[in-house]
Amino acid sequence: MTDKTPWSLRTLGGPSPFELAMMLLSLLSVVIVLVMTFGRLEGETYRLLFFIDTTICLIFMANFFIGLFRARDKTYYLRHHWIDFIASIPAIEALRIARVFQILRVIRLIRMSRSLLLPLIKQRKQTTLASLLVAMVTILTFASIIILLVESGTEGANIQTAEQAIWWALVTISTVGYGDYYPVSTAGHIVGGIVIVSGVSFFGVISGYMASVFVAPDETERQERQDAHKAEIKSELEIALSRMEESQRQMEQNQAQMLAKIAELKQALEDKKH
C-alpha cells in the first residue's frame, strides 16, 4: 500500500505479507484494548497490557512512515491511509478502535483477491520477515501476560511487575537466561519451557533467513541475471543475423560481377565473329 495502484490491479496479486502482518497485529491490539477497557485487571496486568499495546503502536507508526516514504504519490497515500496514523497513536483508547477499519480493509482485499497463498509464495522473504515480526510480538505478549498472572500470586515469586514480566519473556525467548528473574511455580516452569522451545525455533528461523539472504540471490538479482542473459542471447542472434545478411549481400555482389563478366565475354565473342 505504498503506491497509487487501483483496486482492480492490486486484487490480482492479493495482499502483501506485511499487510497481512499488520492486520494480525491490529486484531491482537484490538483484543488487548477491549480487555483493558472492559476487563477487571490488577494494576500490574493493566500496565503490562499498556506497554504491549504501546509497542504495537510504535510498529504501526513505523510501518506508516515507511509506507509514506516509499509512496510515489504522498498526497494520495495520506488521503487513503490517514486512518492508519490515527490508529497508531498510543495511550488514547478511543483512537485505537480505528484499527478495526484497517482489519476490515485487508479482509476486503483478501475476499476480492483470487489467491491468498500466491503472493505469499512469490514474496518469500517478505513473508518470512512478516511472520517473524508477528511471531515475536505474539510470543512476548502471551508469555509476559501468562507468567505475570501465574507468578503474581505465588509465594517467593520474583516476577511481580509488568517490567519484570516483559524482561523475563524477552530474556527467555532469546535463550540468554540471565537468571535475575525466573518462575518458581510449576505452571511458571511449564510456561518457561514453552517459551524456550519457541525461542529456539524462532531464532533458528532467523538464522536460516539470514543465511538465505547472504547466500541465495534474491528475486530481483535472479531477474536481473535472467534479463542480462536474455539480452546477451539477443545480441548474439543479432550479430549472427547481421553476418548472414552481410554474407548474402557479398554473394549477391559476387554473382552480379560474375554475370557482368560473362556478359562481357559473350559480347567479345560476338564482336570477333562479326
C-alpha atoms as a PDB file:
ATOM      1  CA  MET A   1       0.000   0.000   0.000  1.00  0.00           C
ATOM      2  CA  THR A   2       2.770   2.341  -0.837  1.00  0.00           C
ATOM      3  CA  ASP A   3       1.781   3.493  -4.303  1.00  0.00           C
ATOM      4  CA  LYS A   4      -1.178   4.663  -6.271  1.00  0.00           C
ATOM      5  CA  THR A   5      -2.455   1.358  -7.586  1.00  0.00           C
ATOM      6  CA  PRO A   6      -6.080   0.671  -8.496  1.00  0.00           C
ATOM      7  CA  TRP A   7      -8.002  -1.914  -6.501  1.00  0.00           C
ATOM      8  CA  SER A   8      -8.647  -3.955  -9.629  1.00  0.00           C
ATOM      9  CA  LEU A   9      -4.929  -4.379 -10.216  1.00  0.00           C
ATOM     10  CA  ARG A  10      -3.953  -4.948  -6.611  1.00  0.00           C
ATOM     11  CA  THR A  11      -6.502  -7.678  -6.110  1.00  0.00           C
ATOM     12  CA  LEU A  12      -4.940  -9.755  -8.848  1.00  0.00           C
ATOM     13  CA  GLY A  13      -1.930 -10.399  -6.666  1.00  0.00           C
ATOM     14  CA  GLY A  14      -3.653 -10.223  -3.298  1.00  0.00           C
ATOM     15  CA  PRO A  15      -2.442  -8.551  -0.107  1.00  0.00           C
ATOM     16  CA  SER A  16       1.242  -8.342   0.647  1.00  0.00           C
ATOM     17  CA  PRO A  17       2.744 -10.274   3.574  1.00  0.00           C
ATOM     18  CA  PHE A  18       3.266  -7.095   5.590  1.00  0.00           C
ATOM     19  CA  GLU A  19      -0.364  -6.069   5.046  1.00  0.00           C
ATOM     20  CA  LEU A  20      -1.454  -9.400   6.494  1.00  0.00           C
ATOM     21  CA  ALA A  21       1.027  -8.983   9.360  1.00  0.00           C
ATOM     22  CA  MET A  22      -0.351  -5.534  10.188  1.00  0.00           C
ATOM     23  CA  MET A  23      -3.872  -6.963  10.083  1.00  0.00           C
ATOM     24  CA  LEU A  24      -2.948  -9.690  12.592  1.00  0.00           C
ATOM     25  CA  LEU A  25      -1.232  -7.191  14.874  1.00  0.00           C
ATOM     26  CA  SER A  26      -4.263  -4.900  14.581  1.00  0.00           C
ATOM     27  CA  LEU A  27      -6.505  -7.771  15.618  1.00  0.00           C
ATOM     28  CA  LEU A  28      -4.244  -8.547  18.581  1.00  0.00           C
ATOM     29  CA  SER A  29      -4.172  -4.892  19.564  1.00  0.00           C
ATOM     30  CA  VAL A  30      -7.955  -4.546  19.377  1.00  0.00           C
ATOM     31  CA  VAL A  31      -8.316  -7.571  21.671  1.00  0.00           C
ATOM     32  CA  ILE A  32      -5.844  -6.016  24.118  1.00  0.00           C
ATOM     33  CA  VAL A  33      -7.716  -2.699  24.082  1.00  0.00           C
ATOM     34  CA  LEU A  34     -11.039  -4.434  24.710  1.00  0.00           C
ATOM     35  CA  VAL A  35      -9.546  -6.369  27.622  1.00  0.00           C
ATOM     36  CA  MET A  36      -8.062  -3.175  29.058  1.00  0.00           C
ATOM     37  CA  THR A  37     -11.377  -1.358  28.689  1.00  0.00           C
ATOM     38  CA  PHE A  38     -13.861  -3.947  29.913  1.00  0.00           C
ATOM     39  CA  GLY A  39     -11.759  -6.413  31.909  1.00  0.00           C
ATOM     40  CA  ARG A  40     -11.225  -6.358  35.659  1.00  0.00           C
ATOM     41  CA  LEU A  41      -7.469  -6.234  35.765  1.00  0.00           C
ATOM     42  CA  GLU A  42      -4.943  -5.681  38.509  1.00  0.00           C
ATOM     43  CA  GLY A  43      -2.649  -2.704  38.285  1.00  0.00           C
ATOM     44  CA  GLU A  44       0.428  -4.546  37.022  1.00  0.00           C
ATOM     45  CA  THR A  45      -1.540  -6.558  34.480  1.00  0.00           C
ATOM     46  CA  TYR A  46      -3.083  -3.370  33.114  1.00  0.00           C
ATOM     47  CA  ARG A  47       0.343  -1.742  32.903  1.00  0.00           C
ATOM     48  CA  LEU A  48       1.714  -4.790  31.100  1.00  0.00           C
ATOM     49  CA  LEU A  49      -1.059  -4.673  28.504  1.00  0.00           C
ATOM     50  CA  PHE A  50      -0.474  -0.949  28.136  1.00  0.00           C
ATOM     51  CA  PHE A  51       3.241  -1.485  27.446  1.00  0.00           C
ATOM     52  CA  ILE A  52       2.488  -4.211  24.891  1.00  0.00           C
ATOM     53  CA  ASP A  53      -0.092  -2.099  23.099  1.00  0.00           C
ATOM     54  CA  THR A  54       2.260   0.865  23.018  1.00  0.00           C
ATOM     55  CA  THR A  55       4.905  -1.330  21.390  1.00  0.00           C
ATOM     56  CA  ILE A  56       2.393  -2.418  18.751  1.00  0.00           C
ATOM     57  CA  CYS A  57       1.521   1.247  18.204  1.00  0.00           C
ATOM     58  CA  LEU A  58       5.173   2.024  17.547  1.00  0.00           C
ATOM     59  CA  ILE A  59       5.282  -0.795  14.966  1.00  0.00           C
ATOM     60  CA  PHE A  60       2.193   0.662  13.256  1.00  0.00           C
ATOM     61  CA  MET A  61       3.735   4.119  13.324  1.00  0.00           C
ATOM     62  CA  ALA A  62       6.963   2.861  11.752  1.00  0.00           C
ATOM     63  CA  ASN A  63       5.012   0.986   9.081  1.00  0.00           C
ATOM     64  CA  PHE A  64       3.009   4.130   8.281  1.00  0.00           C
ATOM     65  CA  PHE A  65       6.049   6.366   7.855  1.00  0.00           C
ATOM     66  CA  ILE A  66       7.932   3.713   5.855  1.00  0.00           C
ATOM     67  CA  GLY A  67       4.936   3.482   3.515  1.00  0.00           C
ATOM     68  CA  LEU A  68       4.766   7.272   3.282  1.00  0.00           C
ATOM     69  CA  PHE A  69       8.478   7.480   2.462  1.00  0.00           C
ATOM     70  CA  ARG A  70       8.186   4.830  -0.260  1.00  0.00           C
ATOM     71  CA  ALA A  71       4.962   6.209  -1.760  1.00  0.00           C
ATOM     72  CA  ARG A  72       5.281   7.847  -5.163  1.00  0.00           C
ATOM     73  CA  ASP A  73       2.186   9.989  -4.565  1.00  0.00           C
ATOM     74  CA  LYS A  74       2.378  11.053  -0.924  1.00  0.00           C
ATOM     75  CA  THR A  75      -0.846  13.057  -1.080  1.00  0.00           C
ATOM     76  CA  TYR A  76      -2.737  10.005  -2.299  1.00  0.00           C
ATOM     77  CA  TYR A  77      -1.111   7.888   0.412  1.00  0.00           C
ATOM     78  CA  LEU A  78      -2.061  10.330   3.178  1.00  0.00           C
ATOM     79  CA  ARG A  79      -5.597  10.607   1.846  1.00  0.00           C
ATOM     80  CA  HIS A  80      -6.126   6.833   1.888  1.00  0.00           C
ATOM     81  CA  HIS A  81      -4.025   5.872   4.933  1.00  0.00           C
ATOM     82  CA  TRP A  82      -4.673   8.635   7.450  1.00  0.00           C
ATOM     83  CA  ILE A  83      -6.724   6.168   9.493  1.00  0.00           C
ATOM     84  CA  ASP A  84      -3.554   4.067   9.939  1.00  0.00           C
ATOM     85  CA  PHE A  85      -1.809   7.052  11.507  1.00  0.00           C
ATOM     86  CA  ILE A  86      -4.755   7.725  13.820  1.00  0.00           C
ATOM     87  CA  ALA A  87      -4.770   4.081  14.892  1.00  0.00           C
ATOM     88  CA  SER A  88      -1.033   4.262  15.642  1.00  0.00           C
ATOM     89  CA  ILE A  89      -1.326   6.956  18.313  1.00  0.00           C
ATOM     90  CA  PRO A  90      -0.677   5.313  21.708  1.00  0.00           C
ATOM     91  CA  ALA A  91      -2.315   5.974  25.059  1.00  0.00           C
ATOM     92  CA  ILE A  92      -5.681   7.011  23.546  1.00  0.00           C
ATOM     93  CA  GLU A  93      -8.062   4.061  23.662  1.00  0.00           C
ATOM     94  CA  ALA A  94     -10.797   5.770  21.622  1.00  0.00           C
ATOM     95  CA  LEU A  95      -8.453   6.197  18.649  1.00  0.00           C
ATOM     96  CA  ARG A  96      -7.155   2.640  18.829  1.00  0.00           C
ATOM     97  CA  ILE A  97     -10.569   1.295  17.826  1.00  0.00           C
ATOM     98  CA  ALA A  98      -9.774   2.795  14.412  1.00  0.00           C
ATOM     99  CA  ARG A  99      -7.623  -0.298  13.822  1.00  0.00           C
ATOM    100  CA  VAL A 100     -10.841  -2.170  13.118  1.00  0.00           C
ATOM    101  CA  PHE A 101     -11.023  -0.276   9.813  1.00  0.00           C
ATOM    102  CA  GLN A 102      -7.537  -1.478   8.933  1.00  0.00           C
ATOM    103  CA  ILE A 103      -8.622  -5.063   9.609  1.00  0.00           C
ATOM    104  CA  LEU A 104     -11.782  -4.653   7.531  1.00  0.00           C
ATOM    105  CA  ARG A 105      -9.827  -3.151   4.643  1.00  0.00           C
ATOM    106  CA  VAL A 106      -7.377  -6.042   4.471  1.00  0.00           C
ATOM    107  CA  ILE A 107     -10.217  -8.572   4.856  1.00  0.00           C
ATOM    108  CA  ARG A 108     -11.927  -6.928   1.895  1.00  0.00           C
ATOM    109  CA  LEU A 109      -8.702  -7.191  -0.072  1.00  0.00           C
ATOM    110  CA  ILE A 110      -8.425 -10.885   0.836  1.00  0.00           C
ATOM    111  CA  ARG A 111     -12.009 -11.577  -0.272  1.00  0.00           C
ATOM    112  CA  MET A 112     -11.503  -9.792  -3.592  1.00  0.00           C
ATOM    113  CA  SER A 113      -8.163 -11.462  -4.315  1.00  0.00           C
ATOM    114  CA  ARG A 114      -8.085 -14.603  -6.400  1.00  0.00           C
ATOM    115  CA  SER A 115      -5.385 -16.252  -4.339  1.00  0.00           C
ATOM    116  CA  LEU A 116      -4.006 -15.620  -0.870  1.00  0.00           C
ATOM    117  CA  LEU A 117      -1.108 -18.061  -0.909  1.00  0.00           C
ATOM    118  CA  LEU A 118       0.223 -16.974  -4.314  1.00  0.00           C
ATOM    119  CA  PRO A 119       1.625 -13.572  -3.204  1.00  0.00           C
ATOM    120  CA  LEU A 120       2.999 -15.166  -0.027  1.00  0.00           C
ATOM    121  CA  ILE A 121       4.853 -17.785  -2.064  1.00  0.00           C
ATOM    122  CA  LYS A 122       6.173 -15.261  -4.571  1.00  0.00           C
ATOM    123  CA  GLN A 123       7.380 -12.902  -1.830  1.00  0.00           C
ATOM    124  CA  ARG A 124       9.033 -15.454   0.404  1.00  0.00           C
ATOM    125  CA  LYS A 125      11.471 -13.057   2.060  1.00  0.00           C
ATOM    126  CA  GLN A 126       8.767 -10.554   2.946  1.00  0.00           C
ATOM    127  CA  THR A 127       6.593 -13.408   4.178  1.00  0.00           C
ATOM    128  CA  THR A 128       9.414 -14.626   6.423  1.00  0.00           C
ATOM    129  CA  LEU A 129      10.038 -11.167   7.884  1.00  0.00           C
ATOM    130  CA  ALA A 130       6.341 -10.532   8.434  1.00  0.00           C
ATOM    131  CA  SER A 131       5.907 -13.942  10.078  1.00  0.00           C
ATOM    132  CA  LEU A 132       8.881 -13.335  12.368  1.00  0.00           C
ATOM    133  CA  LEU A 133       7.500  -9.953  13.393  1.00  0.00           C
ATOM    134  CA  VAL A 134       4.061 -11.336  14.219  1.00  0.00           C
ATOM    135  CA  ALA A 135       5.542 -14.374  15.991  1.00  0.00           C
ATOM    136  CA  MET A 136       7.873 -12.265  18.139  1.00  0.00           C
ATOM    137  CA  VAL A 137       5.136  -9.858  19.249  1.00  0.00           C
ATOM    138  CA  THR A 138       2.678 -12.691  19.882  1.00  0.00           C
ATOM    139  CA  ILE A 139       5.114 -14.811  21.901  1.00  0.00           C
ATOM    140  CA  LEU A 140       6.283 -11.877  24.003  1.00  0.00           C
ATOM    141  CA  THR A 141       2.697 -10.778  24.601  1.00  0.00           C
ATOM    142  CA  PHE A 142       1.286 -14.093  25.765  1.00  0.00           C
ATOM    143  CA  ALA A 143       4.452 -15.155  27.617  1.00  0.00           C
ATOM    144  CA  SER A 144       4.649 -11.970  29.671  1.00  0.00           C
ATOM    145  CA  ILE A 145       0.908 -11.913  30.415  1.00  0.00           C
ATOM    146  CA  ILE A 146       0.699 -15.572  31.434  1.00  0.00           C
ATOM    147  CA  ILE A 147       3.856 -15.525  33.559  1.00  0.00           C
ATOM    148  CA  LEU A 148       2.667 -12.410  35.392  1.00  0.00           C
ATOM    149  CA  LEU A 149      -0.755 -13.950  36.089  1.00  0.00           C
ATOM    150  CA  VAL A 150       0.772 -17.236  37.205  1.00  0.00           C
ATOM    151  CA  GLU A 151       3.596 -15.874  39.351  1.00  0.00           C
ATOM    152  CA  SER A 152       1.932 -12.826  40.889  1.00  0.00           C
ATOM    153  CA  GLY A 153       0.058 -14.882  43.497  1.00  0.00           C
ATOM    154  CA  THR A 154       2.834 -17.377  44.222  1.00  0.00           C
ATOM    155  CA  GLU A 155       4.845 -17.239  47.438  1.00  0.00           C
ATOM    156  CA  GLY A 156       8.504 -16.378  46.862  1.00  0.00           C
ATOM    157  CA  ALA A 157       7.961 -15.304  43.266  1.00  0.00           C
ATOM    158  CA  ASN A 158      10.250 -12.563  41.921  1.00  0.00           C
ATOM    159  CA  ILE A 159       8.201 -11.693  38.832  1.00  0.00           C
ATOM    160  CA  GLN A 160       5.706  -9.225  40.254  1.00  0.00           C
ATOM    161  CA  THR A 161       5.678  -6.198  37.929  1.00  0.00           C
ATOM    162  CA  ALA A 162       4.981  -5.565  34.255  1.00  0.00           C
ATOM    163  CA  GLU A 163       8.596  -4.613  33.580  1.00  0.00           C
ATOM    164  CA  GLN A 164       9.877  -7.805  35.186  1.00  0.00           C
ATOM    165  CA  ALA A 165       7.461  -9.948  33.156  1.00  0.00           C
ATOM    166  CA  ILE A 166       8.456  -8.320  29.872  1.00  0.00           C
ATOM    167  CA  TRP A 167      12.158  -8.594  30.700  1.00  0.00           C
ATOM    168  CA  TRP A 168      11.784 -12.265  31.652  1.00  0.00           C
ATOM    169  CA  ALA A 169       9.886 -13.028  28.415  1.00  0.00           C
ATOM    170  CA  LEU A 170      12.494 -11.220  26.320  1.00  0.00           C
ATOM    171  CA  VAL A 171      15.441 -12.919  28.024  1.00  0.00           C
ATOM    172  CA  THR A 172      13.793 -16.350  27.895  1.00  0.00           C
ATOM    173  CA  ILE A 173      12.792 -16.187  24.236  1.00  0.00           C
ATOM    174  CA  SER A 174      16.347 -15.171  23.358  1.00  0.00           C
ATOM    175  CA  THR A 175      17.591 -18.199  25.397  1.00  0.00           C
ATOM    176  CA  VAL A 176      20.101 -15.961  27.197  1.00  0.00           C
ATOM    177  CA  GLY A 177      18.893 -16.848  30.674  1.00  0.00           C
ATOM    178  CA  TYR A 178      20.415 -14.207  32.959  1.00  0.00           C
ATOM    179  CA  GLY A 179      18.686 -15.749  35.952  1.00  0.00           C
ATOM    180  CA  ASP A 180      17.774 -12.448  37.596  1.00  0.00           C
ATOM    181  CA  TYR A 181      14.062 -13.236  37.166  1.00  0.00           C
ATOM    182  CA  TYR A 182      12.709 -16.761  36.987  1.00  0.00           C
ATOM    183  CA  PRO A 183       9.450 -18.626  37.664  1.00  0.00           C
ATOM    184  CA  VAL A 184       9.081 -20.582  40.883  1.00  0.00           C
ATOM    185  CA  SER A 185       5.707 -22.292  40.354  1.00  0.00           C
ATOM    186  CA  THR A 186       5.085 -25.447  38.354  1.00  0.00           C
ATOM    187  CA  ALA A 187       2.840 -23.596  35.926  1.00  0.00           C
ATOM    188  CA  GLY A 188       5.540 -20.968  35.522  1.00  0.00           C
ATOM    189  CA  HIS A 189       8.105 -23.654  34.709  1.00  0.00           C
ATOM    190  CA  ILE A 190       5.796 -25.067  32.053  1.00  0.00           C
ATOM    191  CA  VAL A 191       5.316 -21.613  30.537  1.00  0.00           C
ATOM    192  CA  GLY A 192       9.068 -21.049  30.645  1.00  0.00           C
ATOM    193  CA  GLY A 193       9.737 -24.344  28.862  1.00  0.00           C
ATOM    194  CA  ILE A 194       7.268 -23.485  26.103  1.00  0.00           C
ATOM    195  CA  VAL A 195       8.834 -20.050  25.657  1.00  0.00           C
ATOM    196  CA  ILE A 196      12.347 -21.542  25.492  1.00  0.00           C
ATOM    197  CA  VAL A 197      11.313 -24.026  22.792  1.00  0.00           C
ATOM    198  CA  SER A 198       9.563 -21.241  20.905  1.00  0.00           C
ATOM    199  CA  GLY A 199      12.661 -19.064  21.205  1.00  0.00           C
ATOM    200  CA  VAL A 200      14.954 -21.775  19.858  1.00  0.00           C
ATOM    201  CA  SER A 201      12.635 -22.302  16.893  1.00  0.00           C
ATOM    202  CA  PHE A 202      12.267 -18.552  16.405  1.00  0.00           C
ATOM    203  CA  PHE A 203      15.980 -17.828  16.237  1.00  0.00           C
ATOM    204  CA  GLY A 204      16.535 -20.936  14.149  1.00  0.00           C
ATOM    205  CA  VAL A 205      14.247 -19.444  11.526  1.00  0.00           C
ATOM    206  CA  ILE A 206      16.114 -16.131  11.788  1.00  0.00           C
ATOM    207  CA  SER A 207      19.457 -17.893  11.265  1.00  0.00           C
ATOM    208  CA  GLY A 208      18.123 -19.707   8.215  1.00  0.00           C
ATOM    209  CA  TYR A 209      16.693 -16.495   6.824  1.00  0.00           C
ATOM    210  CA  MET A 210      19.949 -14.595   7.287  1.00  0.00           C
ATOM    211  CA  ALA A 211      21.855 -17.430   5.617  1.00  0.00           C
ATOM    212  CA  SER A 212      19.485 -17.323   2.637  1.00  0.00           C
ATOM    213  CA  VAL A 213      19.894 -13.552   2.390  1.00  0.00           C
ATOM    214  CA  PHE A 214      23.690 -13.725   2.144  1.00  0.00           C
ATOM    215  CA  VAL A 215      23.971 -16.971   0.177  1.00  0.00           C
ATOM    216  CA  ALA A 216      20.999 -17.281  -2.138  1.00  0.00           C
ATOM    217  CA  PRO A 217      20.295 -14.484  -4.625  1.00  0.00           C
ATOM    218  CA  ASP A 218      17.026 -12.687  -4.170  1.00  0.00           C
ATOM    219  CA  GLU A 219      14.272 -12.446  -6.755  1.00  0.00           C
ATOM    220  CA  THR A 220      15.487  -9.084  -8.044  1.00  0.00           C
ATOM    221  CA  GLU A 221      19.030 -10.309  -8.576  1.00  0.00           C
ATOM    222  CA  ARG A 222      17.778 -13.500 -10.215  1.00  0.00           C
ATOM    223  CA  GLN A 223      15.534 -11.494 -12.526  1.00  0.00           C
ATOM    224  CA  GLU A 224      18.414  -9.178 -13.408  1.00  0.00           C
ATOM    225  CA  ARG A 225      20.584 -12.174 -14.274  1.00  0.00           C
ATOM    226  CA  GLN A 226      17.855 -13.626 -16.463  1.00  0.00           C
ATOM    227  CA  ASP A 227      17.342 -10.294 -18.208  1.00  0.00           C
ATOM    228  CA  ALA A 228      21.101  -9.940 -18.777  1.00  0.00           C
ATOM    229  CA  HIS A 229      21.280 -13.495 -20.167  1.00  0.00           C
ATOM    230  CA  LYS A 230      18.349 -12.831 -22.498  1.00  0.00           C
ATOM    231  CA  ALA A 231      19.942  -9.579 -23.647  1.00  0.00           C
ATOM    232  CA  GLU A 232      23.227 -11.389 -24.318  1.00  0.00           C
ATOM    233  CA  ILE A 233      21.468 -14.089 -26.366  1.00  0.00           C
ATOM    234  CA  LYS A 234      19.544 -11.450 -28.288  1.00  0.00           C
ATOM    235  CA  SER A 235      22.755  -9.553 -29.027  1.00  0.00           C
ATOM    236  CA  GLU A 236      24.465 -12.711 -30.269  1.00  0.00           C
ATOM    237  CA  LEU A 237      21.497 -13.527 -32.501  1.00  0.00           C
ATOM    238  CA  GLU A 238      21.514 -10.029 -33.928  1.00  0.00           C
ATOM    239  CA  ILE A 239      25.240 -10.297 -34.656  1.00  0.00           C
ATOM    240  CA  ALA A 240      24.746 -13.679 -36.353  1.00  0.00           C
ATOM    241  CA  LEU A 241      21.866 -12.339 -38.440  1.00  0.00           C
ATOM    242  CA  SER A 242      23.864  -9.288 -39.459  1.00  0.00           C
ATOM    243  CA  ARG A 243      26.740 -11.541 -40.514  1.00  0.00           C
ATOM    244  CA  MET A 244      24.372 -13.705 -42.530  1.00  0.00           C
ATOM    245  CA  GLU A 245      22.901 -10.650 -44.208  1.00  0.00           C
ATOM    246  CA  GLU A 246      26.384  -9.329 -44.959  1.00  0.00           C
ATOM    247  CA  SER A 247      27.386 -12.702 -46.444  1.00  0.00           C
ATOM    248  CA  GLN A 248      24.248 -12.737 -48.551  1.00  0.00           C
ATOM    249  CA  ARG A 249      24.940  -9.230 -49.839  1.00  0.00           C
ATOM    250  CA  GLN A 250      28.516 -10.230 -50.631  1.00  0.00           C
ATOM    251  CA  MET A 251      27.299 -13.300 -52.521  1.00  0.00           C
ATOM    252  CA  GLU A 252      24.840 -11.179 -54.487  1.00  0.00           C
ATOM    253  CA  GLN A 253      27.613  -8.726 -55.365  1.00  0.00           C
ATOM    254  CA  ASN A 254      29.908 -11.564 -56.494  1.00  0.00           C
ATOM    255  CA  GLN A 255      27.104 -13.076 -58.524  1.00  0.00           C
ATOM    256  CA  ALA A 256      26.421  -9.733 -60.164  1.00  0.00           C
ATOM    257  CA  GLN A 257      30.133  -9.325 -61.001  1.00  0.00           C
ATOM    258  CA  MET A 258      30.268 -12.833 -62.474  1.00  0.00           C
ATOM    259  CA  LEU A 259      27.189 -12.180 -64.580  1.00  0.00           C
ATOM    260  CA  ALA A 260      28.717  -8.923 -65.790  1.00  0.00           C
ATOM    261  CA  LYS A 261      31.945 -10.676 -66.771  1.00  0.00           C
ATOM    262  CA  ILE A 262      30.021 -13.417 -68.584  1.00  0.00           C
ATOM    263  CA  ALA A 263      28.077 -10.751 -70.453  1.00  0.00           C
ATOM    264  CA  GLU A 264      31.343  -9.021 -71.427  1.00  0.00           C
ATOM    265  CA  LEU A 265      32.804 -12.343 -72.652  1.00  0.00           C
ATOM    266  CA  LYS A 266      29.695 -13.041 -74.729  1.00  0.00           C
ATOM    267  CA  GLN A 267      29.889  -9.591 -76.217  1.00  0.00           C
ATOM    268  CA  ALA A 268      33.585 -10.050 -77.011  1.00  0.00           C
ATOM    269  CA  LEU A 269      32.880 -13.380 -78.770  1.00  0.00           C
ATOM    270  CA  GLU A 270      30.112 -11.845 -80.835  1.00  0.00           C
ATOM    271  CA  ASP A 271      32.397  -8.978 -81.858  1.00  0.00           C
ATOM    272  CA  LYS A 272      35.073 -11.455 -83.021  1.00  0.00           C
ATOM    273  CA  LYS A 273      32.518 -13.377 -85.130  1.00  0.00           C
ATOM    274  CA  HIS A 274      31.493 -10.248 -86.906  1.00  0.00           C
END
